[in-house]
């Protein structure tokens, strides 16, 4: 199938597919006219990549899951390496959330101070 067909079948964009291919997560052959041609397994692989990205992993993180991208990633038991990567990503996300929460709290306090408490944060 061509890139547009794969994009439509997986709900992603051709640009994202080219990015996944550049990252080594999917591969294609070139037709005589130069178009990328993907085999039928590419759809499963792309859906698994999107599942992992939606869970909060990065493309670099997804590299660890290469051996199982052709199966049912969501239903498969996680490997030790996969768990390690996911826990590391969770720690990074928690650190970012904490930093953003601190920044928000500082801004809120400054606004309250500067306005004599007239400004109330939007929840």
N, C-alpha and C. Protein backbone atom coordinates (compact mmCIF):
# COMPACT_ATOMS: atom_id res chain seq x y z
N UNK A 1 0.84 -1.17 0.00
CA UNK A 1 0.00 0.00 0.00
C UNK A 1 0.89 1.23 0.00
N UNK A 2 0.38 2.30 -0.59
CA UNK A 2 1.15 3.54 -0.67
C UNK A 2 0.97 4.34 0.61
N UNK A 3 1.78 5.37 0.76
CA UNK A 3 1.83 6.12 2.00
C UNK A 3 0.48 6.76 2.35
N UNK A 4 -0.24 7.26 1.37
CA UNK A 4 -1.54 7.87 1.63
C UNK A 4 -2.55 6.84 2.13
N UNK A 5 -2.49 5.64 1.58
CA UNK A 5 -3.39 4.57 2.02
C UNK A 5 -3.08 4.15 3.45
N UNK A 6 -1.78 4.03 3.76
CA UNK A 6 -1.38 3.67 5.12
C UNK A 6 -1.77 4.77 6.10
N UNK A 7 -1.59 5.99 5.71
CA UNK A 7 -1.98 7.11 6.57
C UNK A 7 -3.47 7.07 6.87
N UNK A 8 -4.26 6.86 5.86
CA UNK A 8 -5.72 6.80 6.04
C UNK A 8 -6.11 5.61 6.91
N UNK A 9 -5.50 4.47 6.68
CA UNK A 9 -5.84 3.25 7.41
C UNK A 9 -5.47 3.32 8.89
N UNK A 10 -4.47 4.14 9.21
CA UNK A 10 -3.99 4.20 10.59
C UNK A 10 -4.33 5.50 11.29
N UNK A 11 -4.96 6.42 10.58
CA UNK A 11 -5.33 7.69 11.20
C UNK A 11 -4.14 8.58 11.51
N UNK A 12 -3.13 8.47 10.71
CA UNK A 12 -1.95 9.32 10.90
C UNK A 12 -1.68 10.09 9.62
N UNK A 13 -0.66 10.90 9.63
CA UNK A 13 -0.34 11.70 8.45
C UNK A 13 0.83 11.08 7.69
N UNK A 14 0.91 11.35 6.39
CA UNK A 14 2.08 10.89 5.64
C UNK A 14 3.38 11.44 6.22
N UNK A 15 3.34 12.65 6.73
CA UNK A 15 4.54 13.25 7.33
C UNK A 15 4.99 12.43 8.55
N UNK A 16 4.04 12.03 9.39
CA UNK A 16 4.38 11.21 10.56
C UNK A 16 4.95 9.87 10.11
N UNK A 17 4.39 9.28 9.07
CA UNK A 17 4.89 7.99 8.57
C UNK A 17 6.33 8.13 8.09
N UNK A 18 6.62 9.22 7.38
CA UNK A 18 8.00 9.43 6.93
C UNK A 18 8.92 9.61 8.14
N UNK A 19 8.42 10.27 9.17
CA UNK A 19 9.20 10.46 10.40
C UNK A 19 9.46 9.12 11.09
N UNK A 20 8.44 8.27 11.17
CA UNK A 20 8.62 6.93 11.76
C UNK A 20 9.64 6.13 10.95
N UNK A 21 9.57 6.29 9.64
CA UNK A 21 10.51 5.56 8.78
C UNK A 21 11.93 6.07 8.99
N UNK A 22 12.08 7.38 9.08
CA UNK A 22 13.40 7.96 9.31
C UNK A 22 13.96 7.50 10.65
N UNK A 23 13.08 7.28 11.64
CA UNK A 23 13.51 6.81 12.96
C UNK A 23 13.78 5.31 12.97
N UNK A 24 13.51 4.62 11.87
CA UNK A 24 13.78 3.19 11.77
C UNK A 24 12.69 2.32 12.37
N UNK A 25 11.51 2.90 12.60
CA UNK A 25 10.41 2.14 13.21
C UNK A 25 9.57 1.40 12.18
N UNK A 26 9.50 1.91 10.98
CA UNK A 26 8.81 1.24 9.88
C UNK A 26 9.72 1.30 8.65
N UNK A 27 9.41 0.49 7.67
CA UNK A 27 10.21 0.52 6.44
C UNK A 27 9.30 0.39 5.24
N UNK A 28 9.82 0.81 4.12
CA UNK A 28 9.07 0.72 2.87
C UNK A 28 10.02 0.33 1.75
N UNK A 29 9.43 -0.08 0.67
CA UNK A 29 10.16 -0.31 -0.57
C UNK A 29 9.80 0.85 -1.50
N UNK A 30 10.59 1.04 -2.52
CA UNK A 30 10.29 2.07 -3.50
C UNK A 30 9.76 1.42 -4.78
N UNK A 31 8.63 1.94 -5.21
CA UNK A 31 8.06 1.49 -6.48
C UNK A 31 8.89 2.11 -7.62
N UNK A 32 8.75 1.59 -8.85
CA UNK A 32 9.50 2.16 -9.98
C UNK A 32 9.27 3.66 -10.16
N UNK A 33 8.09 4.14 -9.74
CA UNK A 33 7.81 5.57 -9.88
C UNK A 33 8.35 6.38 -8.70
N UNK A 34 9.01 5.72 -7.73
CA UNK A 34 9.60 6.41 -6.59
C UNK A 34 8.72 6.48 -5.37
N UNK A 35 7.46 6.05 -5.50
CA UNK A 35 6.55 6.10 -4.35
C UNK A 35 6.95 5.06 -3.31
N UNK A 36 6.71 5.41 -2.06
CA UNK A 36 6.91 4.44 -0.98
C UNK A 36 5.78 3.42 -1.02
N UNK A 37 6.14 2.16 -0.82
CA UNK A 37 5.16 1.08 -0.77
C UNK A 37 5.40 0.29 0.53
N UNK A 38 4.34 0.16 1.31
CA UNK A 38 4.41 -0.54 2.59
C UNK A 38 3.68 -1.85 2.50
N UNK A 39 4.16 -2.86 3.25
CA UNK A 39 3.43 -4.12 3.27
C UNK A 39 2.28 -4.02 4.27
N UNK A 40 1.45 -5.04 4.29
CA UNK A 40 0.23 -5.02 5.12
C UNK A 40 0.54 -4.97 6.62
N UNK A 41 1.68 -5.49 7.04
CA UNK A 41 2.03 -5.47 8.46
C UNK A 41 2.31 -4.06 8.97
N UNK A 42 2.58 -3.13 8.07
CA UNK A 42 2.92 -1.77 8.48
C UNK A 42 1.78 -1.12 9.25
N UNK A 43 0.54 -1.47 8.91
CA UNK A 43 -0.60 -0.89 9.62
C UNK A 43 -0.59 -1.24 11.10
N UNK A 44 -0.32 -2.51 11.41
CA UNK A 44 -0.25 -2.95 12.81
C UNK A 44 0.88 -2.22 13.52
N UNK A 45 2.00 -2.14 12.87
CA UNK A 45 3.18 -1.49 13.45
C UNK A 45 2.90 -0.02 13.73
N UNK A 46 2.29 0.68 12.78
CA UNK A 46 1.98 2.10 12.98
C UNK A 46 0.97 2.29 14.10
N UNK A 47 -0.04 1.45 14.16
CA UNK A 47 -1.03 1.56 15.26
C UNK A 47 -0.35 1.33 16.61
N UNK A 48 0.59 0.40 16.68
CA UNK A 48 1.33 0.18 17.92
C UNK A 48 2.21 1.37 18.28
N UNK A 49 2.85 1.94 17.30
CA UNK A 49 3.67 3.14 17.54
C UNK A 49 2.80 4.26 18.09
N UNK A 50 1.66 4.48 17.46
CA UNK A 50 0.75 5.53 17.91
C UNK A 50 0.22 5.25 19.32
N UNK A 51 -0.03 4.00 19.64
CA UNK A 51 -0.47 3.61 20.98
C UNK A 51 0.58 3.98 22.02
N UNK A 52 1.83 3.66 21.72
CA UNK A 52 2.92 3.95 22.65
C UNK A 52 3.17 5.45 22.78
N UNK A 53 3.08 6.17 21.67
CA UNK A 53 3.23 7.62 21.73
C UNK A 53 2.10 8.26 22.53
N UNK A 54 0.88 7.77 22.33
CA UNK A 54 -0.27 8.30 23.07
C UNK A 54 -0.15 8.03 24.57
N UNK A 55 0.57 6.96 24.92
CA UNK A 55 0.77 6.63 26.33
C UNK A 55 1.81 7.55 26.98
N UNK A 56 2.49 8.37 26.18
CA UNK A 56 3.45 9.32 26.73
C UNK A 56 4.90 9.04 26.41
N UNK A 57 5.16 7.96 25.66
CA UNK A 57 6.53 7.64 25.29
C UNK A 57 6.97 8.50 24.10
N UNK A 58 8.26 8.61 23.91
CA UNK A 58 8.82 9.32 22.77
C UNK A 58 9.20 8.31 21.68
N UNK A 59 9.53 8.81 20.50
CA UNK A 59 9.98 7.90 19.44
C UNK A 59 11.25 7.16 19.85
N UNK A 60 12.13 7.84 20.57
CA UNK A 60 13.34 7.16 21.06
C UNK A 60 12.96 6.03 22.02
N UNK A 61 11.97 6.29 22.88
CA UNK A 61 11.50 5.25 23.80
C UNK A 61 10.93 4.06 23.03
N UNK A 62 10.20 4.35 21.97
CA UNK A 62 9.53 3.31 21.19
C UNK A 62 10.54 2.35 20.58
N UNK A 63 11.77 2.80 20.36
CA UNK A 63 12.81 1.92 19.79
C UNK A 63 12.96 0.63 20.59
N UNK A 64 12.79 0.72 21.91
CA UNK A 64 12.93 -0.45 22.78
C UNK A 64 11.88 -1.51 22.45
N UNK A 65 10.76 -1.07 21.93
CA UNK A 65 9.64 -1.98 21.65
C UNK A 65 9.69 -2.55 20.23
N UNK A 66 10.73 -2.27 19.47
CA UNK A 66 10.83 -2.77 18.09
C UNK A 66 10.54 -4.26 17.95
N UNK A 67 11.06 -5.11 18.82
CA UNK A 67 10.81 -6.54 18.64
C UNK A 67 9.34 -6.94 18.74
N UNK A 68 8.51 -6.11 19.34
CA UNK A 68 7.11 -6.52 19.51
C UNK A 68 6.12 -5.60 18.79
N UNK A 69 6.59 -4.71 17.93
CA UNK A 69 5.69 -3.78 17.25
C UNK A 69 4.78 -4.45 16.24
N UNK A 70 5.09 -5.67 15.83
CA UNK A 70 4.25 -6.36 14.86
C UNK A 70 3.15 -7.17 15.51
N UNK A 71 3.14 -7.22 16.85
CA UNK A 71 2.11 -7.96 17.58
C UNK A 71 1.12 -7.01 18.24
N UNK A 72 0.47 -7.50 19.28
CA UNK A 72 -0.50 -6.69 20.02
C UNK A 72 0.19 -6.11 21.25
N UNK A 73 0.78 -4.94 21.10
CA UNK A 73 1.55 -4.31 22.16
C UNK A 73 0.69 -4.07 23.39
N UNK A 74 -0.54 -3.65 23.19
CA UNK A 74 -1.41 -3.32 24.32
C UNK A 74 -1.73 -4.54 25.18
N UNK A 75 -1.81 -5.71 24.57
CA UNK A 75 -2.20 -6.92 25.31
C UNK A 75 -1.01 -7.73 25.79
N UNK A 76 0.15 -7.49 25.23
CA UNK A 76 1.33 -8.29 25.57
C UNK A 76 1.87 -7.92 26.95
N UNK A 77 2.40 -8.89 27.67
CA UNK A 77 3.03 -8.56 28.96
C UNK A 77 4.29 -7.73 28.70
N UNK A 78 4.53 -6.71 29.52
CA UNK A 78 5.69 -5.85 29.26
C UNK A 78 7.00 -6.56 29.59
N UNK A 79 8.00 -6.25 28.81
CA UNK A 79 9.34 -6.79 29.08
C UNK A 79 9.99 -5.95 30.18
N UNK A 80 11.04 -6.48 30.77
CA UNK A 80 11.77 -5.72 31.79
C UNK A 80 12.31 -4.42 31.21
N UNK A 81 12.83 -4.50 29.99
CA UNK A 81 13.37 -3.31 29.33
C UNK A 81 12.26 -2.30 29.03
N UNK A 82 11.12 -2.79 28.56
CA UNK A 82 9.99 -1.91 28.29
C UNK A 82 9.49 -1.23 29.56
N UNK A 83 9.42 -1.98 30.64
CA UNK A 83 9.02 -1.40 31.93
C UNK A 83 10.00 -0.34 32.39
N UNK A 84 11.28 -0.61 32.23
CA UNK A 84 12.30 0.36 32.63
C UNK A 84 12.14 1.67 31.87
N UNK A 85 11.96 1.57 30.56
CA UNK A 85 11.80 2.76 29.73
C UNK A 85 10.54 3.52 30.12
N UNK A 86 9.45 2.80 30.33
CA UNK A 86 8.19 3.45 30.70
C UNK A 86 8.31 4.14 32.06
N UNK A 87 8.96 3.50 33.01
CA UNK A 87 9.14 4.11 34.33
C UNK A 87 10.05 5.33 34.27
N UNK A 88 11.07 5.27 33.44
CA UNK A 88 11.94 6.43 33.27
C UNK A 88 11.16 7.59 32.65
N UNK A 89 10.33 7.29 31.66
CA UNK A 89 9.53 8.34 31.02
C UNK A 89 8.53 8.92 32.01
N UNK A 90 7.93 8.07 32.84
CA UNK A 90 6.99 8.54 33.86
C UNK A 90 7.69 9.49 34.83
N UNK A 91 8.91 9.17 35.22
CA UNK A 91 9.67 10.04 36.12
C UNK A 91 9.93 11.40 35.48
N UNK A 92 10.28 11.40 34.20
CA UNK A 92 10.52 12.65 33.48
C UNK A 92 9.23 13.48 33.43
N UNK A 93 8.11 12.83 33.12
CA UNK A 93 6.84 13.55 33.06
C UNK A 93 6.46 14.10 34.43
N UNK A 94 6.67 13.33 35.48
CA UNK A 94 6.37 13.81 36.83
C UNK A 94 7.23 15.02 37.20
N UNK A 95 8.50 14.99 36.81
CA UNK A 95 9.39 16.14 37.06
C UNK A 95 8.89 17.38 36.32
N UNK A 96 8.47 17.21 35.09
CA UNK A 96 7.97 18.35 34.30
C UNK A 96 6.69 18.90 34.90
N UNK A 97 5.81 18.01 35.33
CA UNK A 97 4.55 18.45 35.95
C UNK A 97 4.85 19.21 37.23
N UNK A 98 5.77 18.72 38.04
CA UNK A 98 6.12 19.40 39.28
C UNK A 98 6.70 20.79 39.00
N UNK A 99 7.57 20.89 38.00
CA UNK A 99 8.16 22.18 37.64
C UNK A 99 7.09 23.15 37.16
N UNK A 100 6.17 22.67 36.35
CA UNK A 100 5.09 23.54 35.86
C UNK A 100 4.16 23.96 36.99
N UNK A 101 3.89 23.05 37.91
CA UNK A 101 3.04 23.38 39.06
C UNK A 101 3.70 24.45 39.90
N UNK A 102 4.99 24.33 40.14
CA UNK A 102 5.72 25.35 40.90
C UNK A 102 5.68 26.70 40.20
N UNK A 103 5.88 26.71 38.89
CA UNK A 103 5.84 27.96 38.12
C UNK A 103 4.45 28.59 38.20
N UNK A 104 3.42 27.77 38.07
CA UNK A 104 2.05 28.27 38.17
C UNK A 104 1.80 28.87 39.55
N UNK A 105 2.23 28.18 40.59
CA UNK A 105 2.02 28.67 41.95
C UNK A 105 2.75 29.98 42.21
N UNK A 106 3.96 30.11 41.67
CA UNK A 106 4.70 31.37 41.83
C UNK A 106 4.00 32.51 41.11
N UNK A 107 3.51 32.24 39.91
CA UNK A 107 2.80 33.27 39.15
C UNK A 107 1.51 33.66 39.85
N UNK A 108 0.79 32.68 40.34
CA UNK A 108 -0.45 32.95 41.07
C UNK A 108 -0.19 33.80 42.31
N UNK A 109 0.84 33.46 43.05
CA UNK A 109 1.18 34.23 44.25
C UNK A 109 1.57 35.67 43.89
N UNK A 110 2.34 35.82 42.82
CA UNK A 110 2.74 37.16 42.39
C UNK A 110 1.52 37.98 41.96
N UNK A 111 0.59 37.37 41.25
CA UNK A 111 -0.61 38.08 40.83
C UNK A 111 -1.46 38.49 42.03
N UNK A 112 -1.59 37.60 42.96
CA UNK A 112 -2.36 37.93 44.17
C UNK A 112 -1.70 39.09 44.93
N UNK A 113 -0.40 39.03 45.04
CA UNK A 113 0.33 40.06 45.77
C UNK A 113 0.18 41.41 45.06
N UNK A 114 0.41 41.42 43.76
CA UNK A 114 0.40 42.67 42.99
C UNK A 114 -1.00 43.27 42.86
N UNK A 115 -2.01 42.46 42.98
CA UNK A 115 -3.39 42.97 42.82
C UNK A 115 -4.12 43.05 44.15
N UNK A 116 -3.43 42.82 45.23
CA UNK A 116 -4.09 42.84 46.52
C UNK A 116 -5.14 41.75 46.67
N UNK A 117 -4.94 40.65 45.98
CA UNK A 117 -5.86 39.52 46.09
C UNK A 117 -7.09 39.64 45.20
N UNK A 118 -7.16 40.69 44.34
CA UNK A 118 -8.34 40.85 43.47
C UNK A 118 -8.37 39.84 42.33
N UNK A 119 -7.25 39.35 41.93
CA UNK A 119 -7.19 38.38 40.82
C UNK A 119 -7.30 36.99 41.41
N UNK A 120 -8.20 36.25 40.89
CA UNK A 120 -8.34 34.85 41.31
C UNK A 120 -8.05 33.96 40.13
N UNK A 121 -7.28 32.94 40.35
CA UNK A 121 -6.92 32.06 39.21
C UNK A 121 -8.14 31.34 38.67
N UNK A 122 -8.07 31.12 37.39
CA UNK A 122 -9.12 30.33 36.72
C UNK A 122 -8.77 28.87 36.94
N UNK A 123 -9.72 28.12 37.40
CA UNK A 123 -9.48 26.70 37.71
C UNK A 123 -9.42 25.87 36.48
